[in-house]
Amino acid sequence: MILDDCLTEAGEFFSPNRKSGTDDTRRFAFIDGEYAALKKALAEGDRPRIQHPLFDVLFRLMELAAVSGASLDEEWTAGAIRKRKYEQSEDK
């Protein structure tokens, strides 16, 4: 998968030598701001304005995953297994 490649890109973009803020308080403040813009665009039904804040929220979440050492590829694979088990249990 390519999710971990995206994590690497986000982690490099928001590296400690950039001025955008590298502590968790600032990271969550950025996420909160982008999430508010996304909620507003969704509430207004403004499709063109939804895409950019959605990307920003995802990119910031990927930054958090990158700095914490998480693997989204690994979790995606594990989630797919859990999903199959859930779907099989519903069929019974």
PDB file of N, CA and C in Angstrom:
ATOM      1  N   MET A   1       0.833  -1.186   0.000  1.00  0.00           N
ATOM      2  CA  MET A   1       0.000   0.000   0.000  1.00  0.00           C
ATOM      3  C   MET A   1       0.876   1.247   0.000  1.00  0.00           C
ATOM      4  N   ILE A   2       0.259   2.376  -0.153  1.00  0.00           N
ATOM      5  CA  ILE A   2       1.028   3.616  -0.221  1.00  0.00           C
ATOM      6  C   ILE A   2       0.798   4.536   0.975  1.00  0.00           C
ATOM      7  N   LEU A   3       0.022   4.101   1.937  1.00  0.00           N
ATOM      8  CA  LEU A   3      -0.278   4.980   3.069  1.00  0.00           C
ATOM      9  C   LEU A   3       0.983   5.399   3.820  1.00  0.00           C
ATOM     10  N   ASP A   4       1.901   4.466   4.039  1.00  0.00           N
ATOM     11  CA  ASP A   4       3.115   4.822   4.764  1.00  0.00           C
ATOM     12  C   ASP A   4       3.991   5.774   3.958  1.00  0.00           C
ATOM     13  N   ASP A   5       3.906   5.721   2.628  1.00  0.00           N
ATOM     14  CA  ASP A   5       4.624   6.706   1.809  1.00  0.00           C
ATOM     15  C   ASP A   5       4.065   8.105   2.069  1.00  0.00           C
ATOM     16  N   CYS A   6       2.751   8.189   2.213  1.00  0.00           N
ATOM     17  CA  CYS A   6       2.116   9.476   2.527  1.00  0.00           C
ATOM     18  C   CYS A   6       2.537   9.958   3.912  1.00  0.00           C
ATOM     19  N   LEU A   7       2.652   9.020   4.858  1.00  0.00           N
ATOM     20  CA  LEU A   7       3.110   9.392   6.206  1.00  0.00           C
ATOM     21  C   LEU A   7       4.503   9.992   6.139  1.00  0.00           C
ATOM     22  N   THR A   8       5.361   9.358   5.363  1.00  0.00           N
ATOM     23  CA  THR A   8       6.731   9.855   5.233  1.00  0.00           C
ATOM     24  C   THR A   8       6.738  11.272   4.670  1.00  0.00           C
ATOM     25  N   GLU A   9       5.943  11.496   3.635  1.00  0.00           N
ATOM     26  CA  GLU A   9       5.872  12.833   3.037  1.00  0.00           C
ATOM     27  C   GLU A   9       5.369  13.860   4.044  1.00  0.00           C
ATOM     28  N   ALA A  10       4.313  13.521   4.776  1.00  0.00           N
ATOM     29  CA  ALA A  10       3.766  14.451   5.771  1.00  0.00           C
ATOM     30  C   ALA A  10       4.778  14.706   6.875  1.00  0.00           C
ATOM     31  N   GLY A  11       5.432  13.657   7.324  1.00  0.00           N
ATOM     32  CA  GLY A  11       6.429  13.812   8.379  1.00  0.00           C
ATOM     33  C   GLY A  11       7.590  14.687   7.951  1.00  0.00           C
ATOM     34  N   GLU A  12       8.009  14.553   6.685  1.00  0.00           N
ATOM     35  CA  GLU A  12       9.105  15.376   6.173  1.00  0.00           C
ATOM     36  C   GLU A  12       8.671  16.821   5.973  1.00  0.00           C
ATOM     37  N   PHE A  13       7.450  17.009   5.514  1.00  0.00           N
ATOM     38  CA  PHE A  13       6.960  18.369   5.278  1.00  0.00           C
ATOM     39  C   PHE A  13       6.879  19.151   6.580  1.00  0.00           C
ATOM     40  N   PHE A  14       6.432  18.501   7.633  1.00  0.00           N
ATOM     41  CA  PHE A  14       6.292  19.166   8.927  1.00  0.00           C
ATOM     42  C   PHE A  14       7.439  18.794   9.866  1.00  0.00           C
ATOM     43  N   SER A  15       8.632  18.736   9.311  1.00  0.00           N
ATOM     44  CA  SER A  15       9.797  18.386  10.112  1.00  0.00           C
ATOM     45  C   SER A  15      10.082  19.482  11.139  1.00  0.00           C
ATOM     46  N   PRO A  16      10.852  19.167  12.163  1.00  0.00           N
ATOM     47  CA  PRO A  16      11.111  20.143  13.231  1.00  0.00           C
ATOM     48  C   PRO A  16      11.759  21.440  12.765  1.00  0.00           C
ATOM     49  N   ASN A  17      12.406  21.448  11.610  1.00  0.00           N
ATOM     50  CA  ASN A  17      13.066  22.680  11.176  1.00  0.00           C
ATOM     51  C   ASN A  17      12.124  23.612  10.428  1.00  0.00           C
ATOM     52  N   ARG A  18      10.852  23.267  10.307  1.00  0.00           N
ATOM     53  CA  ARG A  18       9.879  24.158   9.667  1.00  0.00           C
ATOM     54  C   ARG A  18       9.191  24.993  10.746  1.00  0.00           C
ATOM     55  N   LYS A  19       8.685  26.146  10.365  1.00  0.00           N
ATOM     56  CA  LYS A  19       8.066  27.066  11.314  1.00  0.00           C
ATOM     57  C   LYS A  19       6.602  26.741  11.590  1.00  0.00           C
ATOM     58  N   SER A  20       6.044  25.721  10.933  1.00  0.00           N
ATOM     59  CA  SER A  20       4.606  25.460  11.042  1.00  0.00           C
ATOM     60  C   SER A  20       4.188  24.934  12.408  1.00  0.00           C
ATOM     61  N   GLY A  21       5.139  24.550  13.215  1.00  0.00           N
ATOM     62  CA  GLY A  21       4.785  24.067  14.554  1.00  0.00           C
ATOM     63  C   GLY A  21       4.930  22.569  14.650  1.00  0.00           C
ATOM     64  N   THR A  22       5.690  22.126  15.619  1.00  0.00           N
ATOM     65  CA  THR A  22       5.971  20.705  15.704  1.00  0.00           C
ATOM     66  C   THR A  22       5.538  20.074  17.013  1.00  0.00           C
ATOM     67  N   ASP A  23       5.006  20.843  17.934  1.00  0.00           N
ATOM     68  CA  ASP A  23       4.549  20.224  19.171  1.00  0.00           C
ATOM     69  C   ASP A  23       3.087  19.791  19.012  1.00  0.00           C
ATOM     70  N   ASP A  24       2.682  18.838  19.821  1.00  0.00           N
ATOM     71  CA  ASP A  24       1.333  18.276  19.679  1.00  0.00           C
ATOM     72  C   ASP A  24       0.239  19.316  19.879  1.00  0.00           C
ATOM     73  N   THR A  25       0.436  20.274  20.762  1.00  0.00           N
ATOM     74  CA  THR A  25      -0.576  21.309  20.966  1.00  0.00           C
ATOM     75  C   THR A  25      -0.832  22.065  19.669  1.00  0.00           C
ATOM     76  N   ARG A  26       0.225  22.444  18.985  1.00  0.00           N
ATOM     77  CA  ARG A  26       0.067  23.156  17.707  1.00  0.00           C
ATOM     78  C   ARG A  26      -0.490  22.229  16.638  1.00  0.00           C
ATOM     79  N   ARG A  27      -0.060  20.972  16.630  1.00  0.00           N
ATOM     80  CA  ARG A  27      -0.585  20.025  15.640  1.00  0.00           C
ATOM     81  C   ARG A  27      -2.103  19.909  15.784  1.00  0.00           C
ATOM     82  N   PHE A  28      -2.582  19.737  17.013  1.00  0.00           N
ATOM     83  CA  PHE A  28      -4.023  19.597  17.223  1.00  0.00           C
ATOM     84  C   PHE A  28      -4.762  20.897  16.938  1.00  0.00           C
ATOM     85  N   ALA A  29      -4.133  22.034  17.193  1.00  0.00           N
ATOM     86  CA  ALA A  29      -4.765  23.313  16.858  1.00  0.00           C
ATOM     87  C   ALA A  29      -4.968  23.428  15.350  1.00  0.00           C
ATOM     88  N   PHE A  30      -3.968  23.023  14.579  1.00  0.00           N
ATOM     89  CA  PHE A  30      -4.111  23.034  13.122  1.00  0.00           C
ATOM     90  C   PHE A  30      -5.228  22.082  12.677  1.00  0.00           C
ATOM     91  N   ILE A  31      -5.262  20.893  13.260  1.00  0.00           N
ATOM     92  CA  ILE A  31      -6.307  19.921  12.913  1.00  0.00           C
ATOM     93  C   ILE A  31      -7.680  20.490  13.254  1.00  0.00           C
ATOM     94  N   ASP A  32      -7.812  21.090  14.434  1.00  0.00           N
ATOM     95  CA  ASP A  32      -9.097  21.678  14.843  1.00  0.00           C
ATOM     96  C   ASP A  32      -9.559  22.740  13.855  1.00  0.00           C
ATOM     97  N   GLY A  33      -8.640  23.602  13.430  1.00  0.00           N
ATOM     98  CA  GLY A  33      -8.997  24.650  12.473  1.00  0.00           C
ATOM     99  C   GLY A  33      -9.438  24.086  11.136  1.00  0.00           C
ATOM    100  N   GLU A  34      -8.713  23.102  10.638  1.00  0.00           N
ATOM    101  CA  GLU A  34      -9.074  22.498   9.355  1.00  0.00           C
ATOM    102  C   GLU A  34     -10.379  21.707   9.466  1.00  0.00           C
ATOM    103  N   TYR A  35     -10.574  21.053  10.617  1.00  0.00           N
ATOM    104  CA  TYR A  35     -11.802  20.296  10.836  1.00  0.00           C
ATOM    105  C   TYR A  35     -13.007  21.241  10.874  1.00  0.00           C
ATOM    106  N   ALA A  36     -12.842  22.402  11.490  1.00  0.00           N
ATOM    107  CA  ALA A  36     -13.931  23.394  11.527  1.00  0.00           C
ATOM    108  C   ALA A  36     -14.273  23.858  10.112  1.00  0.00           C
ATOM    109  N   ALA A  37     -13.250  24.101   9.288  1.00  0.00           N
ATOM    110  CA  ALA A  37     -13.495  24.514   7.899  1.00  0.00           C
ATOM    111  C   ALA A  37     -14.197  23.398   7.123  1.00  0.00           C
ATOM    112  N   LEU A  38     -13.809  22.169   7.377  1.00  0.00           N
ATOM    113  CA  LEU A  38     -14.445  21.026   6.716  1.00  0.00           C
ATOM    114  C   LEU A  38     -15.908  20.900   7.131  1.00  0.00           C
ATOM    115  N   LYS A  39     -16.179  21.008   8.412  1.00  0.00           N
ATOM    116  CA  LYS A  39     -17.564  20.930   8.895  1.00  0.00           C
ATOM    117  C   LYS A  39     -18.432  22.017   8.273  1.00  0.00           C
ATOM    118  N   LYS A  40     -17.887  23.224   8.171  1.00  0.00           N
ATOM    119  CA  LYS A  40     -18.634  24.342   7.580  1.00  0.00           C
ATOM    120  C   LYS A  40     -18.940  24.057   6.106  1.00  0.00           C
ATOM    121  N   ALA A  41     -17.946  23.603   5.375  1.00  0.00           N
ATOM    122  CA  ALA A  41     -18.148  23.305   3.950  1.00  0.00           C
ATOM    123  C   ALA A  41     -19.165  22.178   3.768  1.00  0.00           C
ATOM    124  N   LEU A  42     -19.099  21.169   4.625  1.00  0.00           N
ATOM    125  CA  LEU A  42     -20.066  20.057   4.546  1.00  0.00           C
ATOM    126  C   LEU A  42     -21.474  20.550   4.852  1.00  0.00           C
ATOM    127  N   ALA A  43     -21.603  21.384   5.883  1.00  0.00           N
ATOM    128  CA  ALA A  43     -22.918  21.902   6.267  1.00  0.00           C
ATOM    129  C   ALA A  43     -23.526  22.756   5.161  1.00  0.00           C
ATOM    130  N   GLU A  44     -22.674  23.472   4.448  1.00  0.00           N
ATOM    131  CA  GLU A  44     -23.154  24.336   3.364  1.00  0.00           C
ATOM    132  C   GLU A  44     -23.330  23.572   2.050  1.00  0.00           C
ATOM    133  N   GLY A  45     -22.902  22.313   2.035  1.00  0.00           N
ATOM    134  CA  GLY A  45     -23.025  21.524   0.819  1.00  0.00           C
ATOM    135  C   GLY A  45     -22.138  22.031  -0.303  1.00  0.00           C
ATOM    136  N   ASP A  46     -21.064  22.679   0.070  1.00  0.00           N
ATOM    137  CA  ASP A  46     -20.156  23.278  -0.910  1.00  0.00           C
ATOM    138  C   ASP A  46     -19.078  22.272  -1.285  1.00  0.00           C
ATOM    139  N   ARG A  47     -19.368  21.411  -2.275  1.00  0.00           N
ATOM    140  CA  ARG A  47     -18.454  20.343  -2.665  1.00  0.00           C
ATOM    141  C   ARG A  47     -17.048  20.823  -3.007  1.00  0.00           C
ATOM    142  N   PRO A  48     -16.895  21.870  -3.813  1.00  0.00           N
ATOM    143  CA  PRO A  48     -15.528  22.304  -4.135  1.00  0.00           C
ATOM    144  C   PRO A  48     -14.721  22.728  -2.908  1.00  0.00           C
ATOM    145  N   ARG A  49     -15.395  23.299  -1.905  1.00  0.00           N
ATOM    146  CA  ARG A  49     -14.691  23.747  -0.706  1.00  0.00           C
ATOM    147  C   ARG A  49     -14.447  22.630   0.291  1.00  0.00           C
ATOM    148  N   ILE A  50     -15.014  21.454   0.070  1.00  0.00           N
ATOM    149  CA  ILE A  50     -14.832  20.324   0.983  1.00  0.00           C
ATOM    150  C   ILE A  50     -13.462  19.677   0.788  1.00  0.00           C
ATOM    151  N   GLN A  51     -13.030  19.582  -0.441  1.00  0.00           N
ATOM    152  CA  GLN A  51     -11.832  18.811  -0.762  1.00  0.00           C
ATOM    153  C   GLN A  51     -10.570  19.323  -0.068  1.00  0.00           C
ATOM    154  N   HIS A  52     -10.316  20.623  -0.097  1.00  0.00           N
ATOM    155  CA  HIS A  52      -9.072  21.143   0.467  1.00  0.00           C
ATOM    156  C   HIS A  52      -8.980  20.938   1.982  1.00  0.00           C
ATOM    157  N   PRO A  53     -10.003  21.317   2.775  1.00  0.00           N
ATOM    158  CA  PRO A  53      -9.874  21.076   4.216  1.00  0.00           C
ATOM    159  C   PRO A  53      -9.848  19.584   4.559  1.00  0.00           C
ATOM    160  N   LEU A  54     -10.502  18.765   3.751  1.00  0.00           N
ATOM    161  CA  LEU A  54     -10.439  17.320   3.975  1.00  0.00           C
ATOM    162  C   LEU A  54      -9.002  16.832   3.804  1.00  0.00           C
ATOM    163  N   PHE A  55      -8.358  17.291   2.734  1.00  0.00           N
ATOM    164  CA  PHE A  55      -6.953  16.950   2.521  1.00  0.00           C
ATOM    165  C   PHE A  55      -6.100  17.439   3.684  1.00  0.00           C
ATOM    166  N   ASP A  56      -6.325  18.676   4.126  1.00  0.00           N
ATOM    167  CA  ASP A  56      -5.517  19.228   5.215  1.00  0.00           C
ATOM    168  C   ASP A  56      -5.661  18.424   6.498  1.00  0.00           C
ATOM    169  N   VAL A  57      -6.888  18.014   6.828  1.00  0.00           N
ATOM    170  CA  VAL A  57      -7.106  17.194   8.028  1.00  0.00           C
ATOM    171  C   VAL A  57      -6.362  15.868   7.885  1.00  0.00           C
ATOM    172  N   LEU A  58      -6.511  15.214   6.742  1.00  0.00           N
ATOM    173  CA  LEU A  58      -5.829  13.941   6.529  1.00  0.00           C
ATOM    174  C   LEU A  58      -4.309  14.094   6.599  1.00  0.00           C
ATOM    175  N   PHE A  59      -3.799  15.154   5.975  1.00  0.00           N
ATOM    176  CA  PHE A  59      -2.357  15.374   5.971  1.00  0.00           C
ATOM    177  C   PHE A  59      -1.842  15.592   7.390  1.00  0.00           C
ATOM    178  N   ARG A  60      -2.571  16.369   8.183  1.00  0.00           N
ATOM    179  CA  ARG A  60      -2.152  16.608   9.570  1.00  0.00           C
ATOM    180  C   ARG A  60      -2.245  15.329  10.412  1.00  0.00           C
ATOM    181  N   LEU A  61      -3.268  14.514  10.180  1.00  0.00           N
ATOM    182  CA  LEU A  61      -3.360  13.234  10.890  1.00  0.00           C
ATOM    183  C   LEU A  61      -2.203  12.317  10.500  1.00  0.00           C
ATOM    184  N   MET A  62      -1.825  12.373   9.226  1.00  0.00           N
ATOM    185  CA  MET A  62      -0.678  11.579   8.783  1.00  0.00           C
ATOM    186  C   MET A  62       0.610  12.076   9.433  1.00  0.00           C
ATOM    187  N   GLU A  63       0.691  13.378   9.639  1.00  0.00           N
ATOM    188  CA  GLU A  63       1.848  13.921  10.346  1.00  0.00           C
ATOM    189  C   GLU A  63       1.928  13.329  11.756  1.00  0.00           C
ATOM    190  N   LEU A  64       0.795  13.301  12.453  1.00  0.00           N
ATOM    191  CA  LEU A  64       0.775  12.713  13.802  1.00  0.00           C
ATOM    192  C   LEU A  64       1.206  11.253  13.775  1.00  0.00           C
ATOM    193  N   ALA A  65       0.710  10.516  12.787  1.00  0.00           N
ATOM    194  CA  ALA A  65       1.095   9.116  12.665  1.00  0.00           C
ATOM    195  C   ALA A  65       2.593   8.990  12.400  1.00  0.00           C
ATOM    196  N   ALA A  66       3.122   9.870  11.548  1.00  0.00           N
ATOM    197  CA  ALA A  66       4.551   9.813  11.214  1.00  0.00           C
ATOM    198  C   ALA A  66       5.418  10.068  12.437  1.00  0.00           C
ATOM    199  N   VAL A  67       5.092  11.099  13.209  1.00  0.00           N
ATOM    200  CA  VAL A  67       5.943  11.422  14.360  1.00  0.00           C
ATOM    201  C   VAL A  67       5.787  10.410  15.490  1.00  0.00           C
ATOM    202  N   SER A  68       4.682   9.659  15.489  1.00  0.00           N
ATOM    203  CA  SER A  68       4.500   8.641  16.529  1.00  0.00           C
ATOM    204  C   SER A  68       5.043   7.278  16.103  1.00  0.00           C
ATOM    205  N   GLY A  69       5.468   7.184  14.831  1.00  0.00           N
ATOM    206  CA  GLY A  69       6.030   5.919  14.355  1.00  0.00           C
ATOM    207  C   GLY A  69       4.980   4.890  13.967  1.00  0.00           C
ATOM    208  N   ALA A  70       3.749   5.330  13.773  1.00  0.00           N
ATOM    209  CA  ALA A  70       2.674   4.405  13.403  1.00  0.00           C
ATOM    210  C   ALA A  70       2.820   3.969  11.944  1.00  0.00           C
ATOM    211  N   SER A  71       2.243   2.822  11.627  1.00  0.00           N
ATOM    212  CA  SER A  71       2.198   2.347  10.245  1.00  0.00           C
ATOM    213  C   SER A  71       0.741   2.209   9.833  1.00  0.00           C
ATOM    214  N   LEU A  72       0.300   3.078   8.931  1.00  0.00           N
ATOM    215  CA  LEU A  72      -1.078   2.982   8.458  1.00  0.00           C
ATOM    216  C   LEU A  72      -1.271   1.790   7.531  1.00  0.00           C
ATOM    217  N   ASP A  73      -0.227   1.416   6.793  1.00  0.00           N
ATOM    218  CA  ASP A  73      -0.327   0.219   5.953  1.00  0.00           C
ATOM    219  C   ASP A  73      -0.595  -1.007   6.824  1.00  0.00           C
ATOM    220  N   GLU A  74       0.138  -1.121   7.907  1.00  0.00           N
ATOM    221  CA  GLU A  74      -0.024  -2.247   8.830  1.00  0.00           C
ATOM    222  C   GLU A  74      -1.433  -2.257   9.422  1.00  0.00           C
ATOM    223  N   GLU A  75      -1.891  -1.093   9.840  1.00  0.00           N
ATOM    224  CA  GLU A  75      -3.226  -1.010  10.447  1.00  0.00           C
ATOM    225  C   GLU A  75      -4.321  -1.252   9.423  1.00  0.00           C
ATOM    226  N   TRP A  76      -4.117  -0.790   8.183  1.00  0.00           N
ATOM    227  CA  TRP A  76      -5.104  -1.021   7.122  1.00  0.00           C
ATOM    228  C   TRP A  76      -5.274  -2.520   6.887  1.00  0.00           C
ATOM    229  N   THR A  77      -4.154  -3.247   6.854  1.00  0.00           N
ATOM    230  CA  THR A  77      -4.188  -4.701   6.656  1.00  0.00           C
ATOM    231  C   THR A  77      -4.904  -5.379   7.828  1.00  0.00           C
ATOM    232  N   ALA A  78      -4.569  -4.976   9.038  1.00  0.00           N
ATOM    233  CA  ALA A  78      -5.223  -5.541  10.229  1.00  0.00           C
ATOM    234  C   ALA A  78      -6.715  -5.203  10.232  1.00  0.00           C
ATOM    235  N   GLY A  79      -7.050  -3.993   9.815  1.00  0.00           N
ATOM    236  CA  GLY A  79      -8.453  -3.584   9.757  1.00  0.00           C
ATOM    237  C   GLY A  79      -9.237  -4.389   8.730  1.00  0.00           C
ATOM    238  N   ALA A  80      -8.607  -4.715   7.617  1.00  0.00           N
ATOM    239  CA  ALA A  80      -9.269  -5.527   6.587  1.00  0.00           C
ATOM    240  C   ALA A  80      -9.598  -6.911   7.128  1.00  0.00           C
ATOM    241  N   ILE A  81      -8.708  -7.453   7.929  1.00  0.00           N
ATOM    242  CA  ILE A  81      -8.950  -8.764   8.540  1.00  0.00           C
ATOM    243  C   ILE A  81     -10.114  -8.667   9.527  1.00  0.00           C
ATOM    244  N   ARG A  82     -10.105  -7.619  10.354  1.00  0.00           N
ATOM    245  CA  ARG A  82     -11.209  -7.424  11.305  1.00  0.00           C
ATOM    246  C   ARG A  82     -12.534  -7.239  10.574  1.00  0.00           C
ATOM    247  N   LYS A  83     -12.504  -6.512   9.471  1.00  0.00           N
ATOM    248  CA  LYS A  83     -13.718  -6.276   8.679  1.00  0.00           C
ATOM    249  C   LYS A  83     -14.279  -7.590   8.145  1.00  0.00           C
ATOM    250  N   ARG A  84     -13.414  -8.434   7.612  1.00  0.00           N
ATOM    251  CA  ARG A  84     -13.874  -9.735   7.100  1.00  0.00           C
ATOM    252  C   ARG A  84     -14.507 -10.579   8.206  1.00  0.00           C
ATOM    253  N   LYS A  85     -13.873 -10.591   9.378  1.00  0.00           N
ATOM    254  CA  LYS A  85     -14.426 -11.351  10.508  1.00  0.00           C
ATOM    255  C   LYS A  85     -15.790 -10.794  10.903  1.00  0.00           C
ATOM    256  N   TYR A  86     -15.918  -9.484  10.919  1.00  0.00           N
ATOM    257  CA  TYR A  86     -17.181  -8.850  11.259  1.00  0.00           C
ATOM    258  C   TYR A  86     -18.254  -9.210  10.240  1.00  0.00           C
ATOM    259  N   GLU A  87     -17.916  -9.119   8.968  1.00  0.00           N
ATOM    260  CA  GLU A  87     -18.878  -9.440   7.919  1.00  0.00           C
ATOM    261  C   GLU A  87     -19.298 -10.898   7.978  1.00  0.00           C
ATOM    262  N   GLN A  88     -18.363 -11.799   8.284  1.00  0.00           N
ATOM    263  CA  GLN A  88     -18.692 -13.212   8.402  1.00  0.00           C
ATOM    264  C   GLN A  88     -19.602 -13.471   9.585  1.00  0.00           C
ATOM    265  N   SER A  89     -19.395 -12.757  10.689  1.00  0.00           N
ATOM    266  CA  SER A  89     -20.243 -12.955  11.867  1.00  0.00           C
ATOM    267  C   SER A  89     -21.658 -12.424  11.612  1.00  0.00           C
ATOM    268  N   GLU A  90     -21.796 -11.404  10.768  1.00  0.00           N
ATOM    269  CA  GLU A  90     -23.115 -10.885  10.434  1.00  0.00           C
ATOM    270  C   GLU A  90     -23.896 -11.852   9.546  1.00  0.00           C
ATOM    271  N   ASP A  91     -23.180 -12.633   8.741  1.00  0.00           N
ATOM    272  CA  ASP A  91     -23.832 -13.576   7.841  1.00  0.00           C
ATOM    273  C   ASP A  91     -24.428 -14.776   8.568  1.00  0.00           C
ATOM    274  N   LYS A  92     -24.037 -14.989   9.792  1.00  0.00           N
ATOM    275  CA  LYS A  92     -24.519 -16.169  10.535  1.00  0.00           C
ATOM    276  C   LYS A  92     -25.860 -15.919  11.171  1.00  0.00           C
TER     277      LYS A  92
END
